[in-house]
Amino acid sequence: MNNQLKHKRPKYSLEFKDEFRQSYGSRRLSNELRKAGFNMGRYQTRTLMKRLGLIVRYPKKFKVTTDSNHNNAISPNRLNRKFDVMVPNKVWTTDITYVWTLEGWLYVAIVMDLFSRQIVGWAIDDHMRTPLCISALEMAFWRRKPAPGLLHHSDRGSQYASDEYRKHLNIMRMTQSMSRKGNCWDNSPTERFFRSMKYEQLNYERFRTKEQAKLSVIDYLAFYNGKRSHSKLGYQSPIIFEREFYSKVA
């Protein structure tokens, strides 16, 4: 084993569980070790993880929650799984998920910028009606102030197909795109974020109140945007990835 780590087992074991939410496998963890100054490859890191008893959390099976049984108009799939976006604020995706508490269900709507996978808008409430989605969209719009023509992609849920939601898209001068019927892969980056949020944090907590769940979601959003590394981003967090982009174009 790398001599640099012999005397740091307990400390790094604790960091893995607390700082990285037990979500990093050997590839991501070896990258974090190199950032910290340790010359550790992926297979050395895998061996180290076994010796330290570090166990990675894995996701549960995906569950479809979209309500597409409505008579509202459906927009074409303009995104067409073109998830690689070269600049910020050109393509946003959005969706809703749910969190169980002892006080009942809590719902989370998010807006993701596909360029950096950063969550640029969110809303949390005890219902999943259209105003929840509009609140997330408004947060994203006022935070980022995108230029006209942004492509906005969602599933065919009644919230996103509603006249009220489309009105907001028109005012913000966004172009709407929707997934094909029953095809979660057409919005897979957003689905992947929800999966990560649940298996890295929410599924391992028991929430007595909706307020506790809300605080946990906000805590994960801060971790995800500011600290969680993404292989697609060169093992950088969304915020660091965008910061480097803007430093190069300034």
C-alpha atoms as a PDB file:
ATOM      1  CA  MET A   1       0.000   0.000   0.000  1.00  0.00           C
ATOM      2  CA  ASN A   2       1.096   3.547  -0.658  1.00  0.00           C
ATOM      3  CA  ASN A   3       3.201   4.598   2.358  1.00  0.00           C
ATOM      4  CA  GLN A   4       1.628   8.069   2.304  1.00  0.00           C
ATOM      5  CA  LEU A   5      -1.704   6.587   3.375  1.00  0.00           C
ATOM      6  CA  LYS A   6      -0.605   4.147   6.075  1.00  0.00           C
ATOM      7  CA  HIS A   7      -1.172   6.580   8.907  1.00  0.00           C
ATOM      8  CA  LYS A   8      -4.286   8.220   7.476  1.00  0.00           C
ATOM      9  CA  ARG A   9      -6.726   5.332   7.283  1.00  0.00           C
ATOM     10  CA  PRO A  10      -9.227   6.394   9.982  1.00  0.00           C
ATOM     11  CA  LYS A  11      -9.280  10.025   8.785  1.00  0.00           C
ATOM     12  CA  TYR A  12      -9.814   9.169   5.146  1.00  0.00           C
ATOM     13  CA  SER A  13     -12.356   6.493   5.988  1.00  0.00           C
ATOM     14  CA  LEU A  14     -14.387   9.130   7.841  1.00  0.00           C
ATOM     15  CA  GLU A  15     -14.005  11.617   4.978  1.00  0.00           C
ATOM     16  CA  PHE A  16     -15.260   9.056   2.479  1.00  0.00           C
ATOM     17  CA  LYS A  17     -18.471   8.511   4.444  1.00  0.00           C
ATOM     18  CA  ASP A  18     -19.138  12.121   5.383  1.00  0.00           C
ATOM     19  CA  GLU A  19     -17.614  14.281   2.649  1.00  0.00           C
ATOM     20  CA  PHE A  20     -18.339  12.109  -0.385  1.00  0.00           C
ATOM     21  CA  ARG A  21     -21.603  10.524   0.902  1.00  0.00           C
ATOM     22  CA  GLN A  22     -20.241   6.992   0.256  1.00  0.00           C
ATOM     23  CA  SER A  23     -20.928   7.637  -3.417  1.00  0.00           C
ATOM     24  CA  TYR A  24     -17.412   7.449  -4.890  1.00  0.00           C
ATOM     25  CA  GLY A  25     -16.174   4.244  -6.468  1.00  0.00           C
ATOM     26  CA  SER A  26     -12.496   3.507  -7.080  1.00  0.00           C
ATOM     27  CA  ARG A  27     -12.289   5.675 -10.214  1.00  0.00           C
ATOM     28  CA  ARG A  28     -13.616   8.864  -8.593  1.00  0.00           C
ATOM     29  CA  LEU A  29     -11.867   8.198  -5.304  1.00  0.00           C
ATOM     30  CA  SER A  30      -8.469   7.698  -6.951  1.00  0.00           C
ATOM     31  CA  ASN A  31      -8.962  11.030  -8.668  1.00  0.00           C
ATOM     32  CA  GLU A  32      -9.699  12.723  -5.324  1.00  0.00           C
ATOM     33  CA  LEU A  33      -6.585  11.124  -3.821  1.00  0.00           C
ATOM     34  CA  ARG A  34      -4.443  12.483  -6.637  1.00  0.00           C
ATOM     35  CA  LYS A  35      -5.920  15.950  -6.060  1.00  0.00           C
ATOM     36  CA  ALA A  36      -4.852  15.595  -2.419  1.00  0.00           C
ATOM     37  CA  GLY A  37      -1.283  14.763  -3.447  1.00  0.00           C
ATOM     38  CA  PHE A  38      -1.326  10.959  -3.252  1.00  0.00           C
ATOM     39  CA  ASN A  39      -0.077   9.011  -6.277  1.00  0.00           C
ATOM     40  CA  MET A  40      -2.806   6.364  -6.332  1.00  0.00           C
ATOM     41  CA  GLY A  41      -4.159   4.542  -9.379  1.00  0.00           C
ATOM     42  CA  ARG A  42      -7.650   3.097  -9.649  1.00  0.00           C
ATOM     43  CA  TYR A  43      -6.702  -0.482  -8.731  1.00  0.00           C
ATOM     44  CA  GLN A  44      -4.553   0.615  -5.806  1.00  0.00           C
ATOM     45  CA  THR A  45      -7.513   2.649  -4.597  1.00  0.00           C
ATOM     46  CA  ARG A  46      -9.832  -0.344  -4.950  1.00  0.00           C
ATOM     47  CA  THR A  47      -7.490  -2.408  -2.777  1.00  0.00           C
ATOM     48  CA  LEU A  48      -7.324   0.394  -0.237  1.00  0.00           C
ATOM     49  CA  MET A  49     -11.101   0.648  -0.121  1.00  0.00           C
ATOM     50  CA  LYS A  50     -11.386  -3.057   0.676  1.00  0.00           C
ATOM     51  CA  ARG A  51      -8.809  -2.778   3.481  1.00  0.00           C
ATOM     52  CA  LEU A  52     -10.602   0.213   4.984  1.00  0.00           C
ATOM     53  CA  GLY A  53     -14.028  -1.385   4.627  1.00  0.00           C
ATOM     54  CA  LEU A  54     -15.329   1.456   2.457  1.00  0.00           C
ATOM     55  CA  ILE A  55     -18.613   0.450   0.835  1.00  0.00           C
ATOM     56  CA  VAL A  56     -20.169   2.359  -2.036  1.00  0.00           C
ATOM     57  CA  ARG A  57     -23.904   2.993  -2.063  1.00  0.00           C
ATOM     58  CA  TYR A  58     -25.743   1.765  -5.149  1.00  0.00           C
ATOM     59  CA  PRO A  59     -29.031   3.002  -6.642  1.00  0.00           C
ATOM     60  CA  LYS A  60     -32.397   1.364  -6.362  1.00  0.00           C
ATOM     61  CA  LYS A  61     -34.480   0.511  -9.410  1.00  0.00           C
ATOM     62  CA  PHE A  62     -35.857   3.487 -11.325  1.00  0.00           C
ATOM     63  CA  LYS A  63     -39.565   4.188 -10.900  1.00  0.00           C
ATOM     64  CA  VAL A  64     -41.599   6.148 -13.450  1.00  0.00           C
ATOM     65  CA  THR A  65     -43.784   8.897 -11.954  1.00  0.00           C
ATOM     66  CA  THR A  66     -44.725  10.990 -15.008  1.00  0.00           C
ATOM     67  CA  ASP A  67     -48.409  11.701 -15.552  1.00  0.00           C
ATOM     68  CA  SER A  68     -48.760  11.925 -19.336  1.00  0.00           C
ATOM     69  CA  ASN A  69     -52.460  11.059 -19.357  1.00  0.00           C
ATOM     70  CA  HIS A  70     -53.771  14.476 -20.377  1.00  0.00           C
ATOM     71  CA  ASN A  71     -55.165  16.290 -23.424  1.00  0.00           C
ATOM     72  CA  ASN A  72     -52.617  19.103 -23.598  1.00  0.00           C
ATOM     73  CA  ALA A  73     -50.445  19.582 -26.672  1.00  0.00           C
ATOM     74  CA  ILE A  74     -47.123  17.737 -26.838  1.00  0.00           C
ATOM     75  CA  SER A  75     -43.977  19.422 -28.120  1.00  0.00           C
ATOM     76  CA  PRO A  76     -41.573  17.488 -30.379  1.00  0.00           C
ATOM     77  CA  ASN A  77     -38.382  15.968 -29.044  1.00  0.00           C
ATOM     78  CA  ARG A  78     -36.072  18.707 -30.295  1.00  0.00           C
ATOM     79  CA  LEU A  79     -33.253  17.729 -27.944  1.00  0.00           C
ATOM     80  CA  ASN A  80     -33.170  14.173 -29.350  1.00  0.00           C
ATOM     81  CA  ARG A  81     -30.637  12.988 -26.749  1.00  0.00           C
ATOM     82  CA  LYS A  82     -28.004  15.533 -27.787  1.00  0.00           C
ATOM     83  CA  PHE A  83     -26.753  15.865 -24.242  1.00  0.00           C
ATOM     84  CA  ASP A  84     -23.291  17.239 -25.071  1.00  0.00           C
ATOM     85  CA  VAL A  85     -23.639  21.027 -24.928  1.00  0.00           C
ATOM     86  CA  MET A  86     -20.650  23.294 -25.492  1.00  0.00           C
ATOM     87  CA  VAL A  87     -21.708  26.506 -23.710  1.00  0.00           C
ATOM     88  CA  PRO A  88     -23.805  27.381 -20.627  1.00  0.00           C
ATOM     89  CA  ASN A  89     -27.454  28.419 -20.780  1.00  0.00           C
ATOM     90  CA  LYS A  90     -28.222  26.878 -24.157  1.00  0.00           C
ATOM     91  CA  VAL A  91     -30.060  23.701 -23.083  1.00  0.00           C
ATOM     92  CA  TRP A  92     -31.884  23.128 -19.804  1.00  0.00           C
ATOM     93  CA  THR A  93     -33.641  19.964 -18.696  1.00  0.00           C
ATOM     94  CA  THR A  94     -36.194  19.616 -15.918  1.00  0.00           C
ATOM     95  CA  ASP A  95     -38.168  17.025 -13.971  1.00  0.00           C
ATOM     96  CA  ILE A  96     -39.880  16.217 -10.649  1.00  0.00           C
ATOM     97  CA  THR A  97     -39.150  13.614  -7.991  1.00  0.00           C
ATOM     98  CA  TYR A  98     -40.595  12.771  -4.583  1.00  0.00           C
ATOM     99  CA  VAL A  99     -39.348  12.201  -1.021  1.00  0.00           C
ATOM    100  CA  TRP A 100     -41.242  10.284   1.660  1.00  0.00           C
ATOM    101  CA  THR A 101     -41.534  11.708   5.188  1.00  0.00           C
ATOM    102  CA  LEU A 102     -43.614  10.709   8.217  1.00  0.00           C
ATOM    103  CA  GLU A 103     -45.721  13.798   7.488  1.00  0.00           C
ATOM    104  CA  GLY A 104     -46.383  12.660   3.913  1.00  0.00           C
ATOM    105  CA  TRP A 105     -44.840  13.169   0.479  1.00  0.00           C
ATOM    106  CA  LEU A 106     -42.550  16.050  -0.445  1.00  0.00           C
ATOM    107  CA  TYR A 107     -41.889  16.931  -4.106  1.00  0.00           C
ATOM    108  CA  VAL A 108     -38.762  18.383  -5.699  1.00  0.00           C
ATOM    109  CA  ALA A 109     -38.602  20.054  -9.117  1.00  0.00           C
ATOM    110  CA  ILE A 110     -35.205  20.904 -10.599  1.00  0.00           C
ATOM    111  CA  VAL A 111     -33.767  22.625 -13.671  1.00  0.00           C
ATOM    112  CA  MET A 112     -30.380  21.423 -14.957  1.00  0.00           C
ATOM    113  CA  ASP A 113     -27.982  23.175 -17.333  1.00  0.00           C
ATOM    114  CA  LEU A 114     -26.721  20.387 -19.610  1.00  0.00           C
ATOM    115  CA  PHE A 115     -23.407  22.169 -20.229  1.00  0.00           C
ATOM    116  CA  SER A 116     -22.115  21.636 -16.696  1.00  0.00           C
ATOM    117  CA  ARG A 117     -24.905  19.457 -15.237  1.00  0.00           C
ATOM    118  CA  GLN A 118     -25.347  22.189 -12.634  1.00  0.00           C
ATOM    119  CA  ILE A 119     -28.758  22.453 -10.942  1.00  0.00           C
ATOM    120  CA  VAL A 120     -29.587  26.074 -11.689  1.00  0.00           C
ATOM    121  CA  GLY A 121     -33.134  26.140 -10.305  1.00  0.00           C
ATOM    122  CA  TRP A 122     -35.199  24.136  -7.849  1.00  0.00           C
ATOM    123  CA  ALA A 123     -38.422  24.190  -5.860  1.00  0.00           C
ATOM    124  CA  ILE A 124     -39.622  22.021  -2.973  1.00  0.00           C
ATOM    125  CA  ASP A 125     -43.232  21.694  -1.792  1.00  0.00           C
ATOM    126  CA  ASP A 126     -45.893  19.234  -0.605  1.00  0.00           C
ATOM    127  CA  HIS A 127     -47.578  19.097  -4.034  1.00  0.00           C
ATOM    128  CA  MET A 128     -46.477  18.383  -7.611  1.00  0.00           C
ATOM    129  CA  ARG A 129     -48.767  20.772  -9.448  1.00  0.00           C
ATOM    130  CA  THR A 130     -47.667  23.185 -12.168  1.00  0.00           C
ATOM    131  CA  PRO A 131     -46.703  26.059  -9.766  1.00  0.00           C
ATOM    132  CA  LEU A 132     -43.970  23.826  -8.322  1.00  0.00           C
ATOM    133  CA  CYS A 133     -42.336  23.487 -11.747  1.00  0.00           C
ATOM    134  CA  ILE A 134     -42.811  27.173 -12.517  1.00  0.00           C
ATOM    135  CA  SER A 135     -41.055  28.124  -9.284  1.00  0.00           C
ATOM    136  CA  ALA A 136     -38.007  26.052 -10.267  1.00  0.00           C
ATOM    137  CA  LEU A 137     -38.034  27.568 -13.746  1.00  0.00           C
ATOM    138  CA  GLU A 138     -38.303  31.119 -12.415  1.00  0.00           C
ATOM    139  CA  MET A 139     -35.382  30.574 -10.049  1.00  0.00           C
ATOM    140  CA  ALA A 140     -33.242  29.303 -12.924  1.00  0.00           C
ATOM    141  CA  PHE A 141     -34.284  32.164 -15.207  1.00  0.00           C
ATOM    142  CA  TRP A 142     -33.576  34.965 -12.742  1.00  0.00           C
ATOM    143  CA  ARG A 143     -30.316  33.433 -11.577  1.00  0.00           C
ATOM    144  CA  ARG A 144     -28.914  32.828 -15.063  1.00  0.00           C
ATOM    145  CA  LYS A 145     -30.756  35.322 -17.309  1.00  0.00           C
ATOM    146  CA  PRO A 146     -30.317  33.236 -20.488  1.00  0.00           C
ATOM    147  CA  ALA A 147     -30.466  34.748 -23.959  1.00  0.00           C
ATOM    148  CA  PRO A 148     -33.583  34.090 -26.071  1.00  0.00           C
ATOM    149  CA  GLY A 149     -33.745  30.725 -27.799  1.00  0.00           C
ATOM    150  CA  LEU A 150     -32.710  28.447 -24.927  1.00  0.00           C
ATOM    151  CA  LEU A 151     -33.915  24.872 -25.492  1.00  0.00           C
ATOM    152  CA  HIS A 152     -36.033  23.646 -22.563  1.00  0.00           C
ATOM    153  CA  HIS A 153     -36.509  19.873 -22.349  1.00  0.00           C
ATOM    154  CA  SER A 154     -38.852  17.885 -20.098  1.00  0.00           C
ATOM    155  CA  ASP A 155     -41.000  14.775 -20.107  1.00  0.00           C
ATOM    156  CA  ARG A 156     -44.651  14.847 -21.201  1.00  0.00           C
ATOM    157  CA  GLY A 157     -45.994  15.463 -17.723  1.00  0.00           C
ATOM    158  CA  SER A 158     -49.175  17.484 -17.383  1.00  0.00           C
ATOM    159  CA  GLN A 159     -47.297  20.224 -15.512  1.00  0.00           C
ATOM    160  CA  TYR A 160     -44.935  20.924 -18.416  1.00  0.00           C
ATOM    161  CA  ALA A 161     -47.635  20.566 -21.070  1.00  0.00           C
ATOM    162  CA  SER A 162     -50.015  22.955 -19.309  1.00  0.00           C
ATOM    163  CA  ASP A 163     -50.977  26.317 -20.789  1.00  0.00           C
ATOM    164  CA  GLU A 164     -49.648  28.044 -17.672  1.00  0.00           C
ATOM    165  CA  TYR A 165     -46.180  26.549 -18.017  1.00  0.00           C
ATOM    166  CA  ARG A 166     -46.030  27.197 -21.760  1.00  0.00           C
ATOM    167  CA  LYS A 167     -46.975  30.819 -21.095  1.00  0.00           C
ATOM    168  CA  HIS A 168     -43.904  31.230 -18.903  1.00  0.00           C
ATOM    169  CA  LEU A 169     -41.688  29.619 -21.552  1.00  0.00           C
ATOM    170  CA  ASN A 170     -43.024  32.046 -24.129  1.00  0.00           C
ATOM    171  CA  ILE A 171     -42.413  35.058 -21.881  1.00  0.00           C
ATOM    172  CA  MET A 172     -38.860  33.818 -21.257  1.00  0.00           C
ATOM    173  CA  ARG A 173     -38.473  33.198 -25.009  1.00  0.00           C
ATOM    174  CA  MET A 174     -37.524  29.547 -24.606  1.00  0.00           C
ATOM    175  CA  THR A 175     -38.131  26.715 -27.085  1.00  0.00           C
ATOM    176  CA  GLN A 176     -39.881  23.665 -25.655  1.00  0.00           C
ATOM    177  CA  SER A 177     -38.810  20.067 -26.215  1.00  0.00           C
ATOM    178  CA  MET A 178     -40.381  16.910 -24.764  1.00  0.00           C
ATOM    179  CA  SER A 179     -39.328  13.290 -24.413  1.00  0.00           C
ATOM    180  CA  ARG A 180     -41.043  10.561 -26.339  1.00  0.00           C
ATOM    181  CA  LYS A 181     -43.870   8.782 -24.553  1.00  0.00           C
ATOM    182  CA  GLY A 182     -42.670   6.528 -21.737  1.00  0.00           C
ATOM    183  CA  ASN A 183     -38.990   7.032 -22.636  1.00  0.00           C
ATOM    184  CA  CYS A 184     -37.026   8.153 -19.576  1.00  0.00           C
ATOM    185  CA  TRP A 185     -33.745   7.907 -21.512  1.00  0.00           C
ATOM    186  CA  ASP A 186     -34.697  11.015 -23.497  1.00  0.00           C
ATOM    187  CA  ASN A 187     -34.140  12.944 -20.255  1.00  0.00           C
ATOM    188  CA  SER A 188     -31.476  10.703 -18.761  1.00  0.00           C
ATOM    189  CA  PRO A 189     -29.104  13.371 -17.310  1.00  0.00           C
ATOM    190  CA  THR A 190     -31.923  14.682 -15.118  1.00  0.00           C
ATOM    191  CA  GLU A 191     -33.030  11.180 -14.155  1.00  0.00           C
ATOM    192  CA  ARG A 192     -29.426  10.370 -13.291  1.00  0.00           C
ATOM    193  CA  PHE A 193     -29.250  13.360 -10.956  1.00  0.00           C
ATOM    194  CA  PHE A 194     -32.356  12.198  -9.080  1.00  0.00           C
ATOM    195  CA  ARG A 195     -30.952   8.700  -8.830  1.00  0.00           C
ATOM    196  CA  SER A 196     -27.702  10.070  -7.395  1.00  0.00           C
ATOM    197  CA  MET A 197     -29.499  12.302  -4.895  1.00  0.00           C
ATOM    198  CA  LYS A 198     -31.552   9.393  -3.608  1.00  0.00           C
ATOM    199  CA  TYR A 199     -28.942   6.662  -3.398  1.00  0.00           C
ATOM    200  CA  GLU A 200     -26.178   8.945  -2.154  1.00  0.00           C
ATOM    201  CA  GLN A 201     -28.265  10.599   0.548  1.00  0.00           C
ATOM    202  CA  LEU A 202     -32.065  10.532   0.760  1.00  0.00           C
ATOM    203  CA  ASN A 203     -32.604   6.764   0.752  1.00  0.00           C
ATOM    204  CA  TYR A 204     -30.453   6.435   3.875  1.00  0.00           C
ATOM    205  CA  GLU A 205     -32.331   8.951   5.989  1.00  0.00           C
ATOM    206  CA  ARG A 206     -35.630   8.685   7.844  1.00  0.00           C
ATOM    207  CA  PHE A 207     -37.412  12.021   7.771  1.00  0.00           C
ATOM    208  CA  ARG A 208     -39.838  12.771  10.597  1.00  0.00           C
ATOM    209  CA  THR A 209     -40.913  16.081   9.062  1.00  0.00           C
ATOM    210  CA  LYS A 210     -41.088  17.653   5.627  1.00  0.00           C
ATOM    211  CA  GLU A 211     -38.797  20.412   6.856  1.00  0.00           C
ATOM    212  CA  GLN A 212     -36.083  17.846   7.642  1.00  0.00           C
ATOM    213  CA  ALA A 213     -36.394  16.405   4.149  1.00  0.00           C
ATOM    214  CA  LYS A 214     -36.274  19.860   2.579  1.00  0.00           C
ATOM    215  CA  LEU A 215     -33.068  20.714   4.421  1.00  0.00           C
ATOM    216  CA  SER A 216     -31.522  17.419   3.328  1.00  0.00           C
ATOM    217  CA  VAL A 217     -32.379  18.089  -0.322  1.00  0.00           C
ATOM    218  CA  ILE A 218     -30.866  21.582  -0.137  1.00  0.00           C
ATOM    219  CA  ASP A 219     -27.765  20.143   1.526  1.00  0.00           C
ATOM    220  CA  TYR A 220     -27.348  17.638  -1.301  1.00  0.00           C
ATOM    221  CA  LEU A 221     -27.846  20.314  -3.958  1.00  0.00           C
ATOM    222  CA  ALA A 222     -24.988  22.324  -2.426  1.00  0.00           C
ATOM    223  CA  PHE A 223     -22.788  19.213  -2.353  1.00  0.00           C
ATOM    224  CA  TYR A 224     -23.691  18.219  -5.911  1.00  0.00           C
ATOM    225  CA  ASN A 225     -23.128  21.648  -7.475  1.00  0.00           C
ATOM    226  CA  GLY A 226     -20.057  22.626  -5.525  1.00  0.00           C
ATOM    227  CA  LYS A 227     -18.174  19.474  -4.661  1.00  0.00           C
ATOM    228  CA  ARG A 228     -19.347  16.271  -6.351  1.00  0.00           C
ATOM    229  CA  SER A 229     -17.026  15.317  -9.214  1.00  0.00           C
ATOM    230  CA  HIS A 230     -18.378  14.163 -12.593  1.00  0.00           C
ATOM    231  CA  SER A 231     -16.447  11.919 -14.948  1.00  0.00           C
ATOM    232  CA  LYS A 232     -17.996  13.775 -17.888  1.00  0.00           C
ATOM    233  CA  LEU A 233     -16.581  17.031 -16.539  1.00  0.00           C
ATOM    234  CA  GLY A 234     -13.064  15.707 -16.103  1.00  0.00           C
ATOM    235  CA  TYR A 235     -13.790  14.841 -12.458  1.00  0.00           C
ATOM    236  CA  GLN A 236     -14.702  18.396 -11.575  1.00  0.00           C
ATOM    237  CA  SER A 237     -17.801  19.727  -9.881  1.00  0.00           C
ATOM    238  CA  PRO A 238     -20.335  21.676 -12.001  1.00  0.00           C
ATOM    239  CA  ILE A 239     -19.399  25.004 -10.420  1.00  0.00           C
ATOM    240  CA  ILE A 240     -15.647  24.492 -10.922  1.00  0.00           C
ATOM    241  CA  PHE A 241     -16.246  23.330 -14.499  1.00  0.00           C
ATOM    242  CA  GLU A 242     -18.205  26.480 -15.334  1.00  0.00           C
ATOM    243  CA  ARG A 243     -15.705  28.693 -13.537  1.00  0.00           C
ATOM    244  CA  GLU A 244     -12.879  27.318 -15.665  1.00  0.00           C
ATOM    245  CA  PHE A 245     -14.954  27.795 -18.825  1.00  0.00           C
ATOM    246  CA  TYR A 246     -15.603  31.455 -18.090  1.00  0.00           C
ATOM    247  CA  SER A 247     -11.953  32.068 -17.146  1.00  0.00           C
ATOM    248  CA  LYS A 248     -10.908  30.873 -20.613  1.00  0.00           C
ATOM    249  CA  VAL A 249     -13.417  32.992 -22.538  1.00  0.00           C
ATOM    250  CA  ALA A 250     -12.965  36.150 -20.456  1.00  0.00           C
END
